[in-house]
Amino acid sequence: RRIRYGIDRALEDAAAGRFLEVLRASADDPRTGVYVVRFLESIPGVGKVAARRLAAEMGHDGFTRVWDLSVAEREELVVALEDAP
């Protein structure tokens, strides 16, 4: 239940534009249990195609969770999202 609630919170945070909070959260934070692609899709302006493309460029499939990413991979996502139009 705790992880499901955390995933819902992560998607809400991303939809509200607070995606950096989730990406910079510790690995034991339940919000980081969300799949990377699903998380990226919920960020306004990213969409399904761009989310899958970005995840694929980083070498992640649809079943990689945010808590599985290293700190460097999370920062790479932050940079990619900040550079996006």
PDB file of N, CA and C in Angstrom:
ATOM      1  N   ARG A   1       0.812  -1.201   0.000  1.00  0.00           N
ATOM      2  CA  ARG A   1       0.000   0.000   0.000  1.00  0.00           C
ATOM      3  C   ARG A   1       0.852   1.260   0.000  1.00  0.00           C
ATOM      4  N   ARG A   2       1.921   1.226   0.763  1.00  0.00           N
ATOM      5  CA  ARG A   2       2.796   2.384   0.877  1.00  0.00           C
ATOM      6  C   ARG A   2       3.413   2.736  -0.486  1.00  0.00           C
ATOM      7  N   ILE A   3       3.818   1.719  -1.230  1.00  0.00           N
ATOM      8  CA  ILE A   3       4.421   1.960  -2.538  1.00  0.00           C
ATOM      9  C   ILE A   3       3.374   2.468  -3.524  1.00  0.00           C
ATOM     10  N   ARG A   4       2.176   1.889  -3.505  1.00  0.00           N
ATOM     11  CA  ARG A   4       1.111   2.369  -4.400  1.00  0.00           C
ATOM     12  C   ARG A   4       0.791   3.825  -4.124  1.00  0.00           C
ATOM     13  N   TYR A   5       0.714   4.184  -2.860  1.00  0.00           N
ATOM     14  CA  TYR A   5       0.450   5.573  -2.496  1.00  0.00           C
ATOM     15  C   TYR A   5       1.597   6.469  -2.970  1.00  0.00           C
ATOM     16  N   GLY A   6       2.836   5.995  -2.813  1.00  0.00           N
ATOM     17  CA  GLY A   6       3.992   6.758  -3.256  1.00  0.00           C
ATOM     18  C   GLY A   6       3.993   6.976  -4.758  1.00  0.00           C
ATOM     19  N   ILE A   7       3.598   5.949  -5.514  1.00  0.00           N
ATOM     20  CA  ILE A   7       3.523   6.071  -6.968  1.00  0.00           C
ATOM     21  C   ILE A   7       2.485   7.109  -7.358  1.00  0.00           C
ATOM     22  N   ASP A   8       1.333   7.069  -6.710  1.00  0.00           N
ATOM     23  CA  ASP A   8       0.296   8.065  -6.987  1.00  0.00           C
ATOM     24  C   ASP A   8       0.801   9.474  -6.686  1.00  0.00           C
ATOM     25  N   ARG A   9       1.517   9.615  -5.578  1.00  0.00           N
ATOM     26  CA  ARG A   9       2.073  10.930  -5.223  1.00  0.00           C
ATOM     27  C   ARG A   9       3.107  11.386  -6.243  1.00  0.00           C
ATOM     28  N   ALA A  10       3.929  10.448  -6.741  1.00  0.00           N
ATOM     29  CA  ALA A  10       4.942  10.798  -7.738  1.00  0.00           C
ATOM     30  C   ALA A  10       4.285  11.292  -9.013  1.00  0.00           C
ATOM     31  N   LEU A  11       3.213  10.641  -9.441  1.00  0.00           N
ATOM     32  CA  LEU A  11       2.515  11.056 -10.654  1.00  0.00           C
ATOM     33  C   LEU A  11       1.838  12.411 -10.464  1.00  0.00           C
ATOM     34  N   GLU A  12       1.288  12.640  -9.274  1.00  0.00           N
ATOM     35  CA  GLU A  12       0.686  13.943  -8.973  1.00  0.00           C
ATOM     36  C   GLU A  12       1.755  15.044  -8.968  1.00  0.00           C
ATOM     37  N   ASP A  13       2.894  14.736  -8.350  1.00  0.00           N
ATOM     38  CA  ASP A  13       3.987  15.717  -8.313  1.00  0.00           C
ATOM     39  C   ASP A  13       4.474  16.044  -9.717  1.00  0.00           C
ATOM     40  N   ALA A  14       4.619  15.030 -10.552  1.00  0.00           N
ATOM     41  CA  ALA A  14       5.082  15.247 -11.923  1.00  0.00           C
ATOM     42  C   ALA A  14       4.068  16.073 -12.707  1.00  0.00           C
ATOM     43  N   ALA A  15       2.801  15.766 -12.545  1.00  0.00           N
ATOM     44  CA  ALA A  15       1.754  16.506 -13.259  1.00  0.00           C
ATOM     45  C   ALA A  15       1.707  17.962 -12.817  1.00  0.00           C
ATOM     46  N   ALA A  16       2.092  18.215 -11.568  1.00  0.00           N
ATOM     47  CA  ALA A  16       2.094  19.579 -11.040  1.00  0.00           C
ATOM     48  C   ALA A  16       3.405  20.303 -11.341  1.00  0.00           C
ATOM     49  N   GLY A  17       4.328  19.625 -12.035  1.00  0.00           N
ATOM     50  CA  GLY A  17       5.588  20.255 -12.385  1.00  0.00           C
ATOM     51  C   GLY A  17       6.676  20.112 -11.338  1.00  0.00           C
ATOM     52  N   ARG A  18       6.439  19.289 -10.320  1.00  0.00           N
ATOM     53  CA  ARG A  18       7.432  19.088  -9.248  1.00  0.00           C
ATOM     54  C   ARG A  18       8.208  17.790  -9.459  1.00  0.00           C
ATOM     55  N   PHE A  19       8.605  17.518 -10.700  1.00  0.00           N
ATOM     56  CA  PHE A  19       9.279  16.266 -11.005  1.00  0.00           C
ATOM     57  C   PHE A  19      10.693  16.197 -10.426  1.00  0.00           C
ATOM     58  N   LEU A  20      11.310  17.355 -10.214  1.00  0.00           N
ATOM     59  CA  LEU A  20      12.662  17.371  -9.647  1.00  0.00           C
ATOM     60  C   LEU A  20      12.680  16.811  -8.232  1.00  0.00           C
ATOM     61  N   GLU A  21      11.614  17.045  -7.471  1.00  0.00           N
ATOM     62  CA  GLU A  21      11.532  16.516  -6.113  1.00  0.00           C
ATOM     63  C   GLU A  21      11.593  14.995  -6.120  1.00  0.00           C
ATOM     64  N   VAL A  22      10.912  14.379  -7.078  1.00  0.00           N
ATOM     65  CA  VAL A  22      10.886  12.924  -7.156  1.00  0.00           C
ATOM     66  C   VAL A  22      12.234  12.397  -7.630  1.00  0.00           C
ATOM     67  N   LEU A  23      12.810  13.032  -8.646  1.00  0.00           N
ATOM     68  CA  LEU A  23      14.081  12.554  -9.176  1.00  0.00           C
ATOM     69  C   LEU A  23      15.230  12.733  -8.189  1.00  0.00           C
ATOM     70  N   ARG A  24      15.120  13.684  -7.303  1.00  0.00           N
ATOM     71  CA  ARG A  24      16.182  13.917  -6.323  1.00  0.00           C
ATOM     72  C   ARG A  24      15.866  13.296  -4.967  1.00  0.00           C
ATOM     73  N   ALA A  25      14.770  12.541  -4.862  1.00  0.00           N
ATOM     74  CA  ALA A  25      14.415  11.857  -3.619  1.00  0.00           C
ATOM     75  C   ALA A  25      15.323  10.645  -3.419  1.00  0.00           C
ATOM     76  N   SER A  26      15.449  10.224  -2.178  1.00  0.00           N
ATOM     77  CA  SER A  26      16.285   9.050  -1.892  1.00  0.00           C
ATOM     78  C   SER A  26      15.612   7.782  -2.408  1.00  0.00           C
ATOM     79  N   ALA A  27      16.391   6.734  -2.575  1.00  0.00           N
ATOM     80  CA  ALA A  27      15.877   5.479  -3.143  1.00  0.00           C
ATOM     81  C   ALA A  27      14.860   4.797  -2.239  1.00  0.00           C
ATOM     82  N   ASP A  28      14.847   5.114  -0.949  1.00  0.00           N
ATOM     83  CA  ASP A  28      13.863   4.490  -0.064  1.00  0.00           C
ATOM     84  C   ASP A  28      12.554   5.280   0.017  1.00  0.00           C
ATOM     85  N   ASP A  29      12.474   6.399  -0.685  1.00  0.00           N
ATOM     86  CA  ASP A  29      11.236   7.179  -0.762  1.00  0.00           C
ATOM     87  C   ASP A  29      10.244   6.401  -1.631  1.00  0.00           C
ATOM     88  N   PRO A  30       9.019   6.162  -1.153  1.00  0.00           N
ATOM     89  CA  PRO A  30       8.061   5.374  -1.940  1.00  0.00           C
ATOM     90  C   PRO A  30       7.684   5.997  -3.277  1.00  0.00           C
ATOM     91  N   ARG A  31       7.887   7.304  -3.433  1.00  0.00           N
ATOM     92  CA  ARG A  31       7.575   7.944  -4.718  1.00  0.00           C
ATOM     93  C   ARG A  31       8.483   7.441  -5.832  1.00  0.00           C
ATOM     94  N   THR A  32       9.660   6.933  -5.495  1.00  0.00           N
ATOM     95  CA  THR A  32      10.595   6.484  -6.517  1.00  0.00           C
ATOM     96  C   THR A  32      10.272   5.080  -7.027  1.00  0.00           C
ATOM     97  N   GLY A  33       9.167   4.499  -6.581  1.00  0.00           N
ATOM     98  CA  GLY A  33       8.750   3.185  -7.057  1.00  0.00           C
ATOM     99  C   GLY A  33       8.039   3.232  -8.397  1.00  0.00           C
ATOM    100  N   VAL A  34       7.821   4.409  -8.922  1.00  0.00           N
ATOM    101  CA  VAL A  34       7.103   4.567 -10.189  1.00  0.00           C
ATOM    102  C   VAL A  34       8.027   4.203 -11.356  1.00  0.00           C
ATOM    103  N   TYR A  35       7.422   3.641 -12.406  1.00  0.00           N
ATOM    104  CA  TYR A  35       8.194   3.343 -13.616  1.00  0.00           C
ATOM    105  C   TYR A  35       8.655   4.643 -14.264  1.00  0.00           C
ATOM    106  N   VAL A  36       9.868   4.646 -14.789  1.00  0.00           N
ATOM    107  CA  VAL A  36      10.448   5.852 -15.384  1.00  0.00           C
ATOM    108  C   VAL A  36       9.567   6.363 -16.526  1.00  0.00           C
ATOM    109  N   VAL A  37       9.136   5.467 -17.423  1.00  0.00           N
ATOM    110  CA  VAL A  37       8.343   5.895 -18.581  1.00  0.00           C
ATOM    111  C   VAL A  37       7.004   6.475 -18.130  1.00  0.00           C
ATOM    112  N   ARG A  38       6.354   5.825 -17.198  1.00  0.00           N
ATOM    113  CA  ARG A  38       5.061   6.326 -16.714  1.00  0.00           C
ATOM    114  C   ARG A  38       5.228   7.681 -16.033  1.00  0.00           C
ATOM    115  N   PHE A  39       6.321   7.828 -15.296  1.00  0.00           N
ATOM    116  CA  PHE A  39       6.613   9.091 -14.628  1.00  0.00           C
ATOM    117  C   PHE A  39       6.836  10.205 -15.647  1.00  0.00           C
ATOM    118  N   LEU A  40       7.647   9.922 -16.664  1.00  0.00           N
ATOM    119  CA  LEU A  40       7.935  10.927 -17.690  1.00  0.00           C
ATOM    120  C   LEU A  40       6.685  11.310 -18.463  1.00  0.00           C
ATOM    121  N   GLU A  41       5.814  10.335 -18.741  1.00  0.00           N
ATOM    122  CA  GLU A  41       4.571  10.616 -19.474  1.00  0.00           C
ATOM    123  C   GLU A  41       3.681  11.586 -18.723  1.00  0.00           C
ATOM    124  N   SER A  42       3.742  11.579 -17.397  1.00  0.00           N
ATOM    125  CA  SER A  42       2.846  12.421 -16.609  1.00  0.00           C
ATOM    126  C   SER A  42       3.336  13.861 -16.469  1.00  0.00           C
ATOM    127  N   ILE A  43       4.550  14.132 -16.922  1.00  0.00           N
ATOM    128  CA  ILE A  43       5.078  15.502 -16.878  1.00  0.00           C
ATOM    129  C   ILE A  43       4.443  16.291 -18.017  1.00  0.00           C
ATOM    130  N   PRO A  44       3.862  17.457 -17.726  1.00  0.00           N
ATOM    131  CA  PRO A  44       3.230  18.251 -18.775  1.00  0.00           C
ATOM    132  C   PRO A  44       4.199  18.586 -19.910  1.00  0.00           C
ATOM    133  N   GLY A  45       3.756  18.354 -21.140  1.00  0.00           N
ATOM    134  CA  GLY A  45       4.551  18.686 -22.300  1.00  0.00           C
ATOM    135  C   GLY A  45       5.479  17.595 -22.786  1.00  0.00           C
ATOM    136  N   VAL A  46       5.567  16.478 -22.076  1.00  0.00           N
ATOM    137  CA  VAL A  46       6.473  15.414 -22.504  1.00  0.00           C
ATOM    138  C   VAL A  46       5.740  14.422 -23.398  1.00  0.00           C
ATOM    139  N   GLY A  47       4.679  13.808 -22.920  1.00  0.00           N
ATOM    140  CA  GLY A  47       3.896  12.889 -23.735  1.00  0.00           C
ATOM    141  C   GLY A  47       4.500  11.499 -23.829  1.00  0.00           C
ATOM    142  N   LYS A  48       3.715  10.583 -24.417  1.00  0.00           N
ATOM    143  CA  LYS A  48       4.101   9.181 -24.465  1.00  0.00           C
ATOM    144  C   LYS A  48       5.299   8.918 -25.368  1.00  0.00           C
ATOM    145  N   VAL A  49       5.290   9.473 -26.553  1.00  0.00           N
ATOM    146  CA  VAL A  49       6.359   9.194 -27.512  1.00  0.00           C
ATOM    147  C   VAL A  49       7.687   9.747 -27.012  1.00  0.00           C
ATOM    148  N   ALA A  50       7.693  10.976 -26.566  1.00  0.00           N
ATOM    149  CA  ALA A  50       8.933  11.589 -26.076  1.00  0.00           C
ATOM    150  C   ALA A  50       9.442  10.880 -24.825  1.00  0.00           C
ATOM    151  N   ALA A  51       8.529  10.444 -23.954  1.00  0.00           N
ATOM    152  CA  ALA A  51       8.933   9.734 -22.738  1.00  0.00           C
ATOM    153  C   ALA A  51       9.608   8.419 -23.085  1.00  0.00           C
ATOM    154  N   ARG A  52       9.019   7.670 -24.001  1.00  0.00           N
ATOM    155  CA  ARG A  52       9.609   6.382 -24.397  1.00  0.00           C
ATOM    156  C   ARG A  52      10.932   6.591 -25.131  1.00  0.00           C
ATOM    157  N   ARG A  53      11.015   7.623 -25.947  1.00  0.00           N
ATOM    158  CA  ARG A  53      12.253   7.916 -26.673  1.00  0.00           C
ATOM    159  C   ARG A  53      13.366   8.278 -25.694  1.00  0.00           C
ATOM    160  N   LEU A  54      13.048   9.137 -24.732  1.00  0.00           N
ATOM    161  CA  LEU A  54      14.046   9.558 -23.749  1.00  0.00           C
ATOM    162  C   LEU A  54      14.528   8.368 -22.920  1.00  0.00           C
ATOM    163  N   ALA A  55      13.603   7.528 -22.483  1.00  0.00           N
ATOM    164  CA  ALA A  55      13.981   6.346 -21.702  1.00  0.00           C
ATOM    165  C   ALA A  55      14.839   5.395 -22.542  1.00  0.00           C
ATOM    166  N   ALA A  56      14.476   5.216 -23.805  1.00  0.00           N
ATOM    167  CA  ALA A  56      15.239   4.326 -24.685  1.00  0.00           C
ATOM    168  C   ALA A  56      16.640   4.874 -24.934  1.00  0.00           C
ATOM    169  N   GLU A  57      16.762   6.187 -25.110  1.00  0.00           N
ATOM    170  CA  GLU A  57      18.071   6.801 -25.326  1.00  0.00           C
ATOM    171  C   GLU A  57      18.984   6.597 -24.120  1.00  0.00           C
ATOM    172  N   MET A  58      18.385   6.525 -22.931  1.00  0.00           N
ATOM    173  CA  MET A  58      19.155   6.297 -21.716  1.00  0.00           C
ATOM    174  C   MET A  58      19.407   4.813 -21.473  1.00  0.00           C
ATOM    175  N   GLY A  59      18.792   3.951 -22.287  1.00  0.00           N
ATOM    176  CA  GLY A  59      19.009   2.519 -22.158  1.00  0.00           C
ATOM    177  C   GLY A  59      18.069   1.826 -21.197  1.00  0.00           C
ATOM    178  N   HIS A  60      16.896   2.419 -20.966  1.00  0.00           N
ATOM    179  CA  HIS A  60      15.933   1.835 -20.036  1.00  0.00           C
ATOM    180  C   HIS A  60      14.701   1.368 -20.785  1.00  0.00           C
ATOM    181  N   ASP A  61      14.176   0.237 -20.346  1.00  0.00           N
ATOM    182  CA  ASP A  61      12.943  -0.252 -20.951  1.00  0.00           C
ATOM    183  C   ASP A  61      11.748   0.307 -20.182  1.00  0.00           C
ATOM    184  N   GLY A  62      10.572  -0.186 -20.470  1.00  0.00           N
ATOM    185  CA  GLY A  62       9.371   0.316 -19.824  1.00  0.00           C
ATOM    186  C   GLY A  62       9.189  -0.123 -18.390  1.00  0.00           C
ATOM    187  N   PHE A  63      10.057  -1.004 -17.910  1.00  0.00           N
ATOM    188  CA  PHE A  63       9.881  -1.546 -16.565  1.00  0.00           C
ATOM    189  C   PHE A  63      10.981  -1.142 -15.590  1.00  0.00           C
ATOM    190  N   THR A  64      11.736  -0.124 -15.926  1.00  0.00           N
ATOM    191  CA  THR A  64      12.751   0.405 -15.010  1.00  0.00           C
ATOM    192  C   THR A  64      12.057   1.386 -14.077  1.00  0.00           C
ATOM    193  N   ARG A  65      12.314   1.239 -12.799  1.00  0.00           N
ATOM    194  CA  ARG A  65      11.721   2.152 -11.816  1.00  0.00           C
ATOM    195  C   ARG A  65      12.732   3.249 -11.475  1.00  0.00           C
ATOM    196  N   VAL A  66      12.224   4.357 -10.995  1.00  0.00           N
ATOM    197  CA  VAL A  66      13.093   5.482 -10.649  1.00  0.00           C
ATOM    198  C   VAL A  66      14.095   5.052  -9.582  1.00  0.00           C
ATOM    199  N   TRP A  67      13.702   4.208  -8.633  1.00  0.00           N
ATOM    200  CA  TRP A  67      14.622   3.798  -7.574  1.00  0.00           C
ATOM    201  C   TRP A  67      15.753   2.917  -8.101  1.00  0.00           C
ATOM    202  N   ASP A  68      15.621   2.392  -9.321  1.00  0.00           N
ATOM    203  CA  ASP A  68      16.683   1.594  -9.935  1.00  0.00           C
ATOM    204  C   ASP A  68      17.743   2.452 -10.619  1.00  0.00           C
ATOM    205  N   LEU A  69      17.471   3.741 -10.783  1.00  0.00           N
ATOM    206  CA  LEU A  69      18.414   4.638 -11.451  1.00  0.00           C
ATOM    207  C   LEU A  69      19.504   5.085 -10.486  1.00  0.00           C
ATOM    208  N   SER A  70      20.697   5.210 -11.010  1.00  0.00           N
ATOM    209  CA  SER A  70      21.787   5.755 -10.193  1.00  0.00           C
ATOM    210  C   SER A  70      21.595   7.274 -10.078  1.00  0.00           C
ATOM    211  N   VAL A  71      22.364   7.876  -9.213  1.00  0.00           N
ATOM    212  CA  VAL A  71      22.301   9.329  -9.042  1.00  0.00           C
ATOM    213  C   VAL A  71      22.672  10.018 -10.352  1.00  0.00           C
ATOM    214  N   ALA A  72      23.678   9.498 -11.037  1.00  0.00           N
ATOM    215  CA  ALA A  72      24.104  10.089 -12.309  1.00  0.00           C
ATOM    216  C   ALA A  72      23.002   9.979 -13.358  1.00  0.00           C
ATOM    217  N   GLU A  73      22.305   8.846 -13.409  1.00  0.00           N
ATOM    218  CA  GLU A  73      21.216   8.680 -14.375  1.00  0.00           C
ATOM    219  C   GLU A  73      20.052   9.604 -14.065  1.00  0.00           C
ATOM    220  N   ARG A  74      19.780   9.815 -12.791  1.00  0.00           N
ATOM    221  CA  ARG A  74      18.713  10.750 -12.414  1.00  0.00           C
ATOM    222  C   ARG A  74      19.076  12.165 -12.832  1.00  0.00           C
ATOM    223  N   GLU A  75      20.323  12.550 -12.605  1.00  0.00           N
ATOM    224  CA  GLU A  75      20.764  13.893 -12.997  1.00  0.00           C
ATOM    225  C   GLU A  75      20.748  14.050 -14.515  1.00  0.00           C
ATOM    226  N   GLU A  76      21.055  12.973 -15.240  1.00  0.00           N
ATOM    227  CA  GLU A  76      20.982  13.008 -16.699  1.00  0.00           C
ATOM    228  C   GLU A  76      19.536  13.264 -17.143  1.00  0.00           C
ATOM    229  N   LEU A  77      18.583  12.661 -16.449  1.00  0.00           N
ATOM    230  CA  LEU A  77      17.168  12.908 -16.744  1.00  0.00           C
ATOM    231  C   LEU A  77      16.801  14.356 -16.453  1.00  0.00           C
ATOM    232  N   VAL A  78      17.279  14.876 -15.341  1.00  0.00           N
ATOM    233  CA  VAL A  78      16.993  16.269 -14.976  1.00  0.00           C
ATOM    234  C   VAL A  78      17.490  17.199 -16.069  1.00  0.00           C
ATOM    235  N   VAL A  79      18.711  16.979 -16.526  1.00  0.00           N
ATOM    236  CA  VAL A  79      19.292  17.822 -17.579  1.00  0.00           C
ATOM    237  C   VAL A  79      18.468  17.703 -18.861  1.00  0.00           C
ATOM    238  N   ALA A  80      18.092  16.482 -19.225  1.00  0.00           N
ATOM    239  CA  ALA A  80      17.322  16.270 -20.438  1.00  0.00           C
ATOM    240  C   ALA A  80      15.948  16.947 -20.353  1.00  0.00           C
ATOM    241  N   LEU A  81      15.332  16.912 -19.190  1.00  0.00           N
ATOM    242  CA  LEU A  81      14.013  17.527 -19.020  1.00  0.00           C
ATOM    243  C   LEU A  81      14.118  19.053 -18.992  1.00  0.00           C
ATOM    244  N   GLU A  82      15.192  19.570 -18.444  1.00  0.00           N
ATOM    245  CA  GLU A  82      15.363  21.025 -18.413  1.00  0.00           C
ATOM    246  C   GLU A  82      15.682  21.564 -19.800  1.00  0.00           C
ATOM    247  N   ASP A  83      16.357  20.779 -20.629  1.00  0.00           N
ATOM    248  CA  ASP A  83      16.708  21.209 -21.974  1.00  0.00           C
ATOM    249  C   ASP A  83      15.562  21.046 -22.965  1.00  0.00           C
ATOM    250  N   ALA A  84      14.543  20.264 -22.579  1.00  0.00           N
ATOM    251  CA  ALA A  84      13.409  20.030 -23.477  1.00  0.00           C
ATOM    252  C   ALA A  84      12.623  21.325 -23.671  1.00  0.00           C
ATOM    253  N   PRO A  85      12.074  21.504 -24.874  1.00  0.00           N
ATOM    254  CA  PRO A  85      11.305  22.738 -25.139  1.00  0.00           C
ATOM    255  C   PRO A  85      10.019  22.810 -24.366  1.00  0.00           C
TER     256      PRO A  85
END
